């Protein structure tokens, strides 16, 4: 059931992710709206440092080749336009730590 919901959601929503790396020897960054049904596969490809074609996983919202990170202006624009939280992982870790420390 979850797979059907995720595939249906692919046309409606995306999980906005900042991807940084190298392409043909040049640094790049890209904000990509990853299709929910492909998010786990995408993250596994990133973790394994496997080569992949970014548009296969979602819509490229903004990108630059020749820079390793987006500027503060681009970051702010992505936060405003798409609600990107650049501190998401840190926020989740903090919430988990607070939640689990309360239960001990």
N, C-alpha and C. Protein backbone atom coordinates (compact mmCIF):
# COMPACT_ATOMS: atom_id res chain seq x y z
N UNK A 1 0.82 -1.20 0.00
CA UNK A 1 0.00 0.00 0.00
C UNK A 1 0.86 1.26 0.00
N UNK A 2 1.91 1.27 0.83
CA UNK A 2 2.78 2.46 0.89
C UNK A 2 3.43 2.73 -0.45
N UNK A 3 3.82 1.67 -1.19
CA UNK A 3 4.43 1.87 -2.49
C UNK A 3 3.46 2.55 -3.45
N UNK A 4 2.19 2.15 -3.42
CA UNK A 4 1.19 2.75 -4.30
C UNK A 4 1.00 4.22 -3.97
N UNK A 5 0.96 4.53 -2.67
CA UNK A 5 0.81 5.93 -2.27
C UNK A 5 2.02 6.74 -2.72
N UNK A 6 3.22 6.21 -2.52
CA UNK A 6 4.43 6.93 -2.91
C UNK A 6 4.49 7.16 -4.41
N UNK A 7 4.15 6.16 -5.21
CA UNK A 7 4.18 6.32 -6.66
C UNK A 7 3.15 7.35 -7.09
N UNK A 8 1.97 7.32 -6.48
CA UNK A 8 0.94 8.32 -6.80
C UNK A 8 1.41 9.71 -6.41
N UNK A 9 2.12 9.80 -5.28
CA UNK A 9 2.61 11.10 -4.80
C UNK A 9 3.74 11.66 -5.66
N UNK A 10 4.39 10.83 -6.45
CA UNK A 10 5.52 11.29 -7.27
C UNK A 10 5.15 12.48 -8.15
N UNK A 11 3.91 12.53 -8.62
CA UNK A 11 3.48 13.62 -9.50
C UNK A 11 3.04 14.85 -8.72
N UNK A 12 2.87 14.70 -7.41
CA UNK A 12 2.35 15.78 -6.58
C UNK A 12 3.40 16.47 -5.73
N UNK A 13 4.34 15.68 -5.19
CA UNK A 13 5.31 16.23 -4.23
C UNK A 13 6.71 15.70 -4.52
N UNK A 14 7.69 16.32 -3.92
CA UNK A 14 9.06 15.85 -3.98
C UNK A 14 9.75 16.16 -2.67
N UNK A 15 10.75 15.38 -2.36
CA UNK A 15 11.56 15.60 -1.16
C UNK A 15 12.78 16.40 -1.61
N UNK A 16 12.80 17.68 -1.28
CA UNK A 16 13.85 18.57 -1.77
C UNK A 16 15.15 18.26 -1.03
N UNK A 17 16.16 17.95 -1.82
CA UNK A 17 17.46 17.53 -1.30
C UNK A 17 18.56 18.33 -1.99
N UNK A 18 19.55 18.76 -1.22
CA UNK A 18 20.73 19.41 -1.78
C UNK A 18 21.77 18.34 -2.05
N UNK A 19 22.18 18.23 -3.30
CA UNK A 19 23.17 17.25 -3.73
C UNK A 19 24.43 18.01 -4.13
N UNK A 20 25.58 17.61 -3.61
CA UNK A 20 26.86 18.21 -3.96
C UNK A 20 27.81 17.10 -4.39
N UNK A 21 28.64 17.39 -5.37
CA UNK A 21 29.58 16.37 -5.82
C UNK A 21 30.43 16.87 -6.97
N UNK A 22 30.89 15.91 -7.76
CA UNK A 22 31.72 16.20 -8.92
C UNK A 22 31.03 15.63 -10.16
N UNK A 23 31.13 16.38 -11.26
CA UNK A 23 30.62 15.92 -12.54
C UNK A 23 31.66 16.26 -13.60
N UNK A 24 32.15 15.25 -14.25
CA UNK A 24 33.19 15.42 -15.28
C UNK A 24 34.36 16.26 -14.76
N UNK A 25 34.76 15.99 -13.52
CA UNK A 25 35.91 16.65 -12.92
C UNK A 25 35.66 18.03 -12.34
N UNK A 26 34.42 18.52 -12.40
CA UNK A 26 34.10 19.84 -11.87
C UNK A 26 33.12 19.70 -10.70
N UNK A 27 33.27 20.55 -9.68
CA UNK A 27 32.31 20.50 -8.58
C UNK A 27 30.94 20.99 -9.05
N UNK A 28 29.89 20.51 -8.39
CA UNK A 28 28.55 20.98 -8.69
C UNK A 28 27.69 20.88 -7.43
N UNK A 29 26.59 21.59 -7.45
CA UNK A 29 25.55 21.43 -6.45
C UNK A 29 24.22 21.50 -7.18
N UNK A 30 23.22 20.86 -6.61
CA UNK A 30 21.88 20.89 -7.20
C UNK A 30 20.83 20.65 -6.12
N UNK A 31 19.77 21.41 -6.18
CA UNK A 31 18.59 21.15 -5.37
C UNK A 31 17.67 20.32 -6.25
N UNK A 32 17.29 19.15 -5.74
CA UNK A 32 16.48 18.23 -6.52
C UNK A 32 15.24 17.85 -5.70
N UNK A 33 14.07 17.89 -6.34
CA UNK A 33 12.84 17.40 -5.71
C UNK A 33 12.76 15.91 -6.04
N UNK A 34 13.25 15.09 -5.11
CA UNK A 34 13.31 13.64 -5.32
C UNK A 34 11.91 13.05 -5.23
N UNK A 35 11.58 12.15 -6.16
CA UNK A 35 10.29 11.46 -6.13
C UNK A 35 10.24 10.59 -4.87
N UNK A 36 9.15 10.67 -4.10
CA UNK A 36 9.07 9.90 -2.86
C UNK A 36 9.30 8.40 -3.05
N UNK A 37 8.81 7.84 -4.14
CA UNK A 37 8.96 6.40 -4.37
C UNK A 37 10.40 6.00 -4.65
N UNK A 38 11.25 6.97 -4.98
CA UNK A 38 12.65 6.69 -5.32
C UNK A 38 13.63 7.20 -4.27
N UNK A 39 13.12 7.80 -3.19
CA UNK A 39 14.00 8.43 -2.20
C UNK A 39 14.99 7.46 -1.57
N UNK A 40 14.50 6.30 -1.12
CA UNK A 40 15.40 5.34 -0.47
C UNK A 40 16.47 4.85 -1.45
N UNK A 41 16.07 4.57 -2.68
CA UNK A 41 17.04 4.13 -3.69
C UNK A 41 18.06 5.23 -3.96
N UNK A 42 17.60 6.47 -4.05
CA UNK A 42 18.50 7.60 -4.29
C UNK A 42 19.51 7.74 -3.15
N UNK A 43 19.04 7.66 -1.92
CA UNK A 43 19.94 7.80 -0.77
C UNK A 43 20.96 6.66 -0.74
N UNK A 44 20.54 5.46 -1.12
CA UNK A 44 21.47 4.32 -1.17
C UNK A 44 22.53 4.56 -2.23
N UNK A 45 22.14 5.11 -3.39
CA UNK A 45 23.10 5.41 -4.45
C UNK A 45 24.11 6.44 -3.96
N UNK A 46 23.64 7.44 -3.25
CA UNK A 46 24.54 8.47 -2.72
C UNK A 46 25.50 7.88 -1.70
N UNK A 47 24.98 7.07 -0.81
CA UNK A 47 25.81 6.48 0.24
C UNK A 47 26.90 5.59 -0.36
N UNK A 48 26.55 4.84 -1.40
CA UNK A 48 27.50 3.94 -2.04
C UNK A 48 28.43 4.67 -3.00
N UNK A 49 28.17 5.97 -3.21
CA UNK A 49 28.95 6.79 -4.15
C UNK A 49 28.92 6.17 -5.55
N UNK A 50 27.72 5.67 -5.90
CA UNK A 50 27.50 5.07 -7.21
C UNK A 50 27.10 6.14 -8.21
N UNK A 51 27.52 5.99 -9.43
CA UNK A 51 27.17 6.93 -10.49
C UNK A 51 25.68 6.79 -10.83
N UNK A 52 24.99 7.90 -11.01
CA UNK A 52 23.57 7.88 -11.37
C UNK A 52 23.24 9.13 -12.15
N UNK A 53 22.07 9.12 -12.80
CA UNK A 53 21.59 10.25 -13.59
C UNK A 53 20.54 10.97 -12.75
N UNK A 54 20.90 12.14 -12.23
CA UNK A 54 20.07 12.86 -11.27
C UNK A 54 18.62 13.06 -11.74
N UNK A 55 18.36 13.45 -12.99
CA UNK A 55 16.97 13.63 -13.42
C UNK A 55 16.11 12.36 -13.36
N UNK A 56 16.74 11.19 -13.27
CA UNK A 56 15.96 9.95 -13.12
C UNK A 56 15.26 9.90 -11.77
N UNK A 57 15.75 10.67 -10.80
CA UNK A 57 15.22 10.61 -9.44
C UNK A 57 14.28 11.77 -9.11
N UNK A 58 14.24 12.80 -9.93
CA UNK A 58 13.34 13.90 -9.65
C UNK A 58 13.66 15.12 -10.49
N UNK A 59 13.00 16.20 -10.14
CA UNK A 59 13.14 17.47 -10.87
C UNK A 59 14.28 18.30 -10.28
N UNK A 60 15.17 18.75 -11.14
CA UNK A 60 16.25 19.65 -10.69
C UNK A 60 15.67 21.06 -10.61
N UNK A 61 15.68 21.61 -9.41
CA UNK A 61 15.08 22.93 -9.16
C UNK A 61 16.07 24.06 -9.40
N UNK A 62 17.30 23.90 -8.95
CA UNK A 62 18.38 24.87 -9.12
C UNK A 62 19.68 24.10 -9.14
N UNK A 63 20.68 24.61 -9.89
CA UNK A 63 21.98 23.93 -9.89
C UNK A 63 23.06 24.88 -10.36
N UNK A 64 24.30 24.48 -10.12
CA UNK A 64 25.46 25.20 -10.63
C UNK A 64 26.61 24.22 -10.78
N UNK A 65 27.31 24.34 -11.88
CA UNK A 65 28.51 23.55 -12.12
C UNK A 65 29.70 24.51 -12.00
N UNK A 66 30.72 24.08 -11.27
CA UNK A 66 31.89 24.91 -11.05
C UNK A 66 31.96 25.46 -9.63
N UNK A 67 30.91 25.23 -8.85
CA UNK A 67 30.86 25.63 -7.44
C UNK A 67 30.49 24.42 -6.62
N UNK A 68 31.07 24.29 -5.43
CA UNK A 68 30.80 23.11 -4.61
C UNK A 68 29.61 23.29 -3.67
N UNK A 69 29.19 24.54 -3.43
CA UNK A 69 28.06 24.82 -2.55
C UNK A 69 27.27 26.01 -3.08
N UNK A 70 25.96 26.03 -2.83
CA UNK A 70 25.17 27.20 -3.23
C UNK A 70 25.50 28.40 -2.35
N UNK A 71 25.31 29.58 -2.91
CA UNK A 71 25.54 30.82 -2.16
C UNK A 71 24.47 30.98 -1.08
N UNK A 72 24.72 31.88 -0.15
CA UNK A 72 23.74 32.14 0.90
C UNK A 72 22.45 32.70 0.31
N UNK A 73 22.56 33.43 -0.80
CA UNK A 73 21.37 33.98 -1.46
C UNK A 73 20.51 32.86 -2.04
N UNK A 74 21.16 31.87 -2.68
CA UNK A 74 20.43 30.73 -3.24
C UNK A 74 19.81 29.91 -2.11
N UNK A 75 20.56 29.69 -1.04
CA UNK A 75 20.03 28.94 0.10
C UNK A 75 18.77 29.62 0.65
N UNK A 76 18.84 30.93 0.83
CA UNK A 76 17.69 31.69 1.35
C UNK A 76 16.50 31.60 0.40
N UNK A 77 16.76 31.68 -0.89
CA UNK A 77 15.68 31.59 -1.88
C UNK A 77 15.02 30.21 -1.85
N UNK A 78 15.81 29.16 -1.66
CA UNK A 78 15.26 27.80 -1.59
C UNK A 78 14.45 27.60 -0.31
N UNK A 79 14.91 28.22 0.77
CA UNK A 79 14.16 28.15 2.02
C UNK A 79 12.81 28.84 1.86
N UNK A 80 12.82 30.01 1.22
CA UNK A 80 11.58 30.77 1.05
C UNK A 80 10.64 30.10 0.06
N UNK A 81 11.13 29.71 -1.09
CA UNK A 81 10.28 29.19 -2.16
C UNK A 81 9.79 27.77 -1.89
N UNK A 82 10.68 26.90 -1.36
CA UNK A 82 10.34 25.49 -1.21
C UNK A 82 10.30 25.01 0.23
N UNK A 83 10.60 25.89 1.19
CA UNK A 83 10.58 25.49 2.59
C UNK A 83 11.74 24.59 2.98
N UNK A 84 12.85 24.69 2.26
CA UNK A 84 14.01 23.86 2.55
C UNK A 84 14.54 24.20 3.93
N UNK A 85 14.83 23.15 4.71
CA UNK A 85 15.43 23.31 6.03
C UNK A 85 16.86 22.77 5.93
N UNK A 86 17.83 23.66 5.85
CA UNK A 86 19.22 23.25 5.72
C UNK A 86 19.78 22.60 6.99
N UNK A 87 19.05 22.70 8.09
CA UNK A 87 19.48 22.09 9.36
C UNK A 87 18.64 20.87 9.71
N UNK A 88 17.96 20.29 8.73
CA UNK A 88 17.01 19.20 8.97
C UNK A 88 17.63 18.04 9.76
N UNK A 89 18.77 17.54 9.30
CA UNK A 89 19.37 16.39 9.98
C UNK A 89 19.75 16.73 11.42
N UNK A 90 20.32 17.89 11.63
CA UNK A 90 20.67 18.32 12.99
C UNK A 90 19.43 18.47 13.86
N UNK A 91 18.37 19.02 13.28
CA UNK A 91 17.12 19.18 14.03
C UNK A 91 16.55 17.82 14.44
N UNK A 92 16.59 16.85 13.52
CA UNK A 92 16.07 15.51 13.81
C UNK A 92 16.90 14.85 14.92
N UNK A 93 18.24 14.97 14.81
CA UNK A 93 19.10 14.39 15.85
C UNK A 93 18.80 15.00 17.22
N UNK A 94 18.62 16.33 17.24
CA UNK A 94 18.34 17.02 18.50
C UNK A 94 17.00 16.56 19.08
N UNK A 95 15.96 16.47 18.22
CA UNK A 95 14.66 16.02 18.69
C UNK A 95 14.72 14.58 19.20
N UNK A 96 15.45 13.72 18.50
CA UNK A 96 15.58 12.32 18.93
C UNK A 96 16.30 12.24 20.27
N UNK A 97 17.37 13.01 20.41
CA UNK A 97 18.12 13.00 21.67
C UNK A 97 17.24 13.47 22.82
N UNK A 98 16.48 14.56 22.60
CA UNK A 98 15.59 15.07 23.64
C UNK A 98 14.49 14.07 23.97
N UNK A 99 13.94 13.43 22.95
CA UNK A 99 12.86 12.46 23.15
C UNK A 99 13.35 11.25 23.93
N UNK A 100 14.49 10.71 23.51
CA UNK A 100 14.98 9.50 24.16
C UNK A 100 15.59 9.78 25.53
N UNK A 101 16.11 10.97 25.77
CA UNK A 101 16.66 11.29 27.09
C UNK A 101 15.53 11.47 28.09
N UNK A 102 14.33 11.90 27.59
CA UNK A 102 13.17 12.05 28.47
C UNK A 102 12.60 10.72 28.92
N UNK A 103 12.86 9.65 28.15
CA UNK A 103 12.28 8.35 28.49
C UNK A 103 13.17 7.51 29.38
N UNK A 104 14.38 7.95 29.61
CA UNK A 104 15.33 7.17 30.44
C UNK A 104 15.15 7.44 31.91
